[in-house]
Protein backbone atom coordinates (compact mmCIF):
# COMPACT_ATOMS: atom_id res chain seq x y z
CA MET A 1 1.30 -46.16 -61.34
CA ASP A 2 4.29 -43.82 -61.57
CA THR A 3 7.66 -44.78 -60.05
CA ARG A 4 7.69 -41.64 -57.91
CA ASP A 5 4.29 -42.45 -56.45
CA GLY A 6 5.59 -45.93 -55.63
CA LEU A 7 8.65 -44.48 -53.91
CA SER A 8 6.61 -41.99 -51.98
CA ASP A 9 4.27 -44.73 -50.87
CA LEU A 10 7.29 -46.92 -50.13
CA GLY A 11 8.69 -44.25 -47.80
CA SER A 12 5.35 -44.02 -46.02
CA VAL A 13 5.16 -47.81 -45.73
CA ARG A 14 8.74 -48.01 -44.47
CA PHE A 15 8.07 -45.29 -41.86
CA LEU A 16 4.89 -47.03 -40.69
CA LEU A 17 6.56 -50.45 -40.56
CA HIS A 18 9.55 -49.06 -38.75
CA SER A 19 7.32 -47.28 -36.22
CA PHE A 20 5.15 -50.36 -35.74
CA SER A 21 8.08 -52.70 -35.33
CA ALA A 22 9.80 -50.32 -32.88
CA VAL A 23 6.64 -50.22 -30.80
CA ARG A 24 6.24 -54.02 -30.86
CA GLY A 25 9.88 -54.63 -30.06
CA SER A 26 10.78 -56.07 -33.45
CA THR A 27 13.71 -58.29 -34.04
CA ALA A 28 16.70 -57.77 -36.28
CA LEU A 29 15.20 -60.25 -38.75
CA GLN A 30 12.20 -58.03 -39.42
CA CYS A 31 14.47 -55.00 -39.98
CA SER A 32 16.72 -56.90 -42.37
CA ALA A 33 13.72 -58.15 -44.32
CA LEU A 34 12.43 -54.61 -44.56
CA GLY A 35 15.85 -53.35 -45.61
CA ASP A 36 16.05 -55.99 -48.38
CA TRP A 37 12.63 -55.06 -49.60
CA MET A 38 13.48 -51.34 -49.64
CA SER A 39 16.76 -51.85 -51.41
CA GLU A 40 14.89 -53.52 -54.21
CA MET A 41 12.51 -50.56 -54.49
CA GLY A 42 14.98 -47.62 -54.47
CA ALA A 43 15.61 -47.04 -50.83
CA PRO A 44 18.54 -44.58 -51.20
CA ARG A 45 16.26 -41.93 -52.59
CA THR A 46 13.72 -42.47 -49.82
CA VAL A 47 16.46 -42.42 -47.20
CA ASN A 48 17.79 -39.14 -48.58
CA THR A 49 14.28 -37.72 -48.47
CA LEU A 50 13.88 -38.85 -44.88
CA ARG A 51 17.26 -37.42 -43.95
CA ALA A 52 16.35 -34.09 -45.56
CA LEU A 53 13.01 -34.12 -43.77
CA SER A 54 14.70 -34.91 -40.46
CA LEU A 55 17.22 -32.13 -41.05
CA VAL A 56 14.46 -29.63 -41.88
CA LEU A 57 12.41 -30.67 -38.84
CA GLY A 58 15.50 -30.45 -36.63
CA LEU A 59 16.30 -26.97 -37.95
CA LEU A 60 12.70 -25.91 -37.41
CA ALA A 61 12.78 -27.29 -33.86
CA LEU A 62 16.08 -25.52 -33.23
CA ALA A 63 14.65 -22.26 -34.64
CA GLY A 64 11.54 -22.69 -32.49
CA TRP A 65 13.56 -23.24 -29.32
CA GLY A 66 15.83 -20.32 -30.23
CA THR A 67 12.80 -18.10 -30.72
CA TYR A 68 11.40 -19.29 -27.40
CA ALA A 69 14.69 -18.55 -25.63
CA TYR A 70 14.88 -15.08 -27.22
CA ALA A 71 11.28 -14.33 -26.25
CA ALA A 72 11.89 -15.57 -22.70
CA LYS A 73 15.01 -13.40 -22.41
CA SER A 74 13.20 -10.37 -23.85
CA SER A 75 10.29 -10.99 -21.51
CA ALA A 76 12.63 -11.25 -18.53
CA ALA A 77 14.35 -8.00 -19.54
CA ALA A 78 11.01 -6.26 -19.97
CA GLN A 79 9.87 -7.63 -16.61
CA GLN A 80 13.08 -6.34 -15.01
CA ARG A 81 12.54 -2.87 -16.53
CA LEU A 82 8.95 -2.84 -15.33
CA SER A 83 10.02 -3.89 -11.84
CA GLU A 84 12.57 -1.07 -11.78
CA GLN A 85 9.93 1.40 -12.92
CA VAL A 86 7.53 0.18 -10.24
CA GLY A 87 10.28 0.63 -7.65
CA GLU A 88 11.00 4.15 -8.88
CA LEU A 89 7.28 4.98 -8.84
CA LYS A 90 6.95 3.70 -5.27
CA VAL A 91 9.89 5.87 -4.19
CA ARG A 92 8.38 8.87 -5.97
CA GLU A 93 5.01 8.13 -4.37
CA GLY A 94 6.65 8.11 -0.95
CA GLN A 95 8.33 11.45 -1.70
CA LEU A 96 5.04 12.95 -2.86
CA ILE A 97 3.24 11.71 0.25
CA ALA A 98 5.96 13.25 2.43
CA GLU A 99 5.71 16.54 0.51
CA ARG A 100 1.92 16.47 0.84
CA ASP A 101 2.15 15.92 4.59
CA GLU A 102 4.69 18.74 4.90
CA VAL A 103 2.44 21.09 2.92
CA LYS A 104 -0.53 20.07 5.08
CA ALA A 105 1.47 20.93 8.20
CA GLN A 106 2.49 24.28 6.69
CA LEU A 107 -1.12 24.97 5.74
CA ALA A 108 -2.31 24.21 9.27
CA ALA A 109 0.37 26.52 10.71
CA THR A 110 -0.55 29.25 8.22
CA GLN A 111 -4.25 28.88 9.06
CA ASP A 112 -3.44 29.19 12.77
CA GLU A 113 -1.36 32.28 12.03
CA VAL A 114 -4.20 33.78 9.96
CA ALA A 115 -6.65 33.11 12.80
CA ASP A 116 -4.26 34.83 15.25
CA LEU A 117 -3.88 37.80 12.89
CA LYS A 118 -7.67 38.09 12.52
CA ALA A 119 -8.08 38.06 16.30
CA ASN A 120 -5.32 40.69 16.58
CA ARG A 121 -7.01 42.77 13.89
CA ASP A 122 -10.36 42.54 15.66
CA GLN A 123 -8.71 43.65 18.92
CA LEU A 124 -6.98 46.56 17.18
CA LEU A 125 -10.25 47.58 15.50
CA ALA A 126 -12.01 47.54 18.86
CA GLU A 127 -9.22 49.66 20.37
CA ARG A 128 -9.39 52.04 17.42
CA ASP A 129 -13.15 52.40 17.80
CA GLU A 130 -12.68 53.04 21.53
CA ALA A 131 -9.98 55.63 20.78
CA LYS A 132 -12.26 57.30 18.21
CA ALA A 133 -15.04 57.43 20.77
CA GLN A 134 -12.66 58.94 23.35
CA LEU A 135 -11.40 61.42 20.74
CA ALA A 136 -14.96 62.42 19.88
CA ALA A 137 -15.72 62.85 23.60
CA ALA A 138 -12.55 64.92 24.06
CA ARG A 139 -13.42 67.12 21.06
CA GLU A 140 -16.90 67.58 22.42
CA GLU A 141 -15.43 68.56 25.75
CA ILE A 142 -12.98 70.94 24.07
CA THR A 143 -15.85 72.50 22.15
CA THR A 144 -17.83 72.84 25.36
CA LEU A 145 -14.84 74.34 27.17
CA GLN A 146 -14.14 76.76 24.32
CA LYS A 147 -17.75 77.90 24.41
CA ARG A 148 -17.52 78.37 28.19
CA LEU A 149 -14.26 80.28 27.73
CA GLU A 150 -15.80 82.50 25.09
CA GLU A 151 -18.80 83.08 27.34
CA ALA A 152 -16.51 83.84 30.27
CA GLN A 153 -14.46 86.24 28.13
CA ALA A 154 -17.64 87.83 26.89
CA LYS A 155 -18.85 88.31 30.51
CA ALA A 156 -15.46 89.61 31.54
CA SER A 157 -15.41 92.18 28.78
CA GLU A 158 -18.88 93.23 29.83
CA THR A 159 -17.84 93.64 33.43
CA GLY A 160 -14.44 95.00 32.58
CA SER A 161 -12.29 92.60 34.46
CA VAL A 162 -9.92 90.41 32.53
CA ARG A 163 -8.05 87.62 34.16
CA SER A 164 -5.15 85.85 32.72
CA SER A 165 -6.28 82.29 32.17
CA ALA A 166 -2.84 80.67 31.78
CA PRO A 167 0.79 81.69 31.53
CA SER A 168 1.97 82.23 27.96
CA GLY A 169 4.59 79.45 28.12
CA ASN A 170 2.16 76.70 29.14
CA PRO A 171 -0.87 75.96 27.02
CA GLY A 172 -3.98 75.00 28.93
CA ARG A 173 -4.93 71.36 29.35
CA SER A 174 -8.37 69.95 29.50
CA PRO A 175 -9.37 68.56 32.87
CA VAL A 176 -10.37 65.21 31.38
CA ARG A 177 -7.42 62.99 30.58
CA THR A 178 -7.89 60.13 28.15
CA GLN A 179 -6.00 56.98 28.81
CA ARG A 180 -5.54 54.21 26.35
CA THR A 181 -5.77 50.73 27.79
CA ARG A 182 -3.97 47.82 26.24
CA ARG A 183 -5.23 44.32 26.49
């Protein structure tokens, strides 16, 4: 058996004995006996190995806790940013809802205005149609009156008597007067 293997096994034995005796509540006598035994077997090298191992494990633990703290801080910062973004989105959502409601109100007002304009248009179209009908009736009457005038003039020229129908300054008016009614 190699000396190194013996020392490695010695370190394992020492660690196990130390752990066992600490658990059992060992006395100083057991520790001194163990220390004597280890000093005979090259304990300084094993102690240095254990110290190096403890140092490495301590550094690893410190690095692990540092990494955990950094991750927790980064997570908290990310959570804070997300909370701020959620707040901004809620404010923006409120603004958009207000804008939507305003546009809905404007749309309703515009639709009412369009309905009023359509009703106005329909009324104006009805009045126009009535005026066209009255105009057609007036033209028909004018045509009838002109024919009667021509017939009267023709009879007058046959009989030889000519009457002045109207003074030259005033043009003749038709007996039917059209009136436009507003609603």
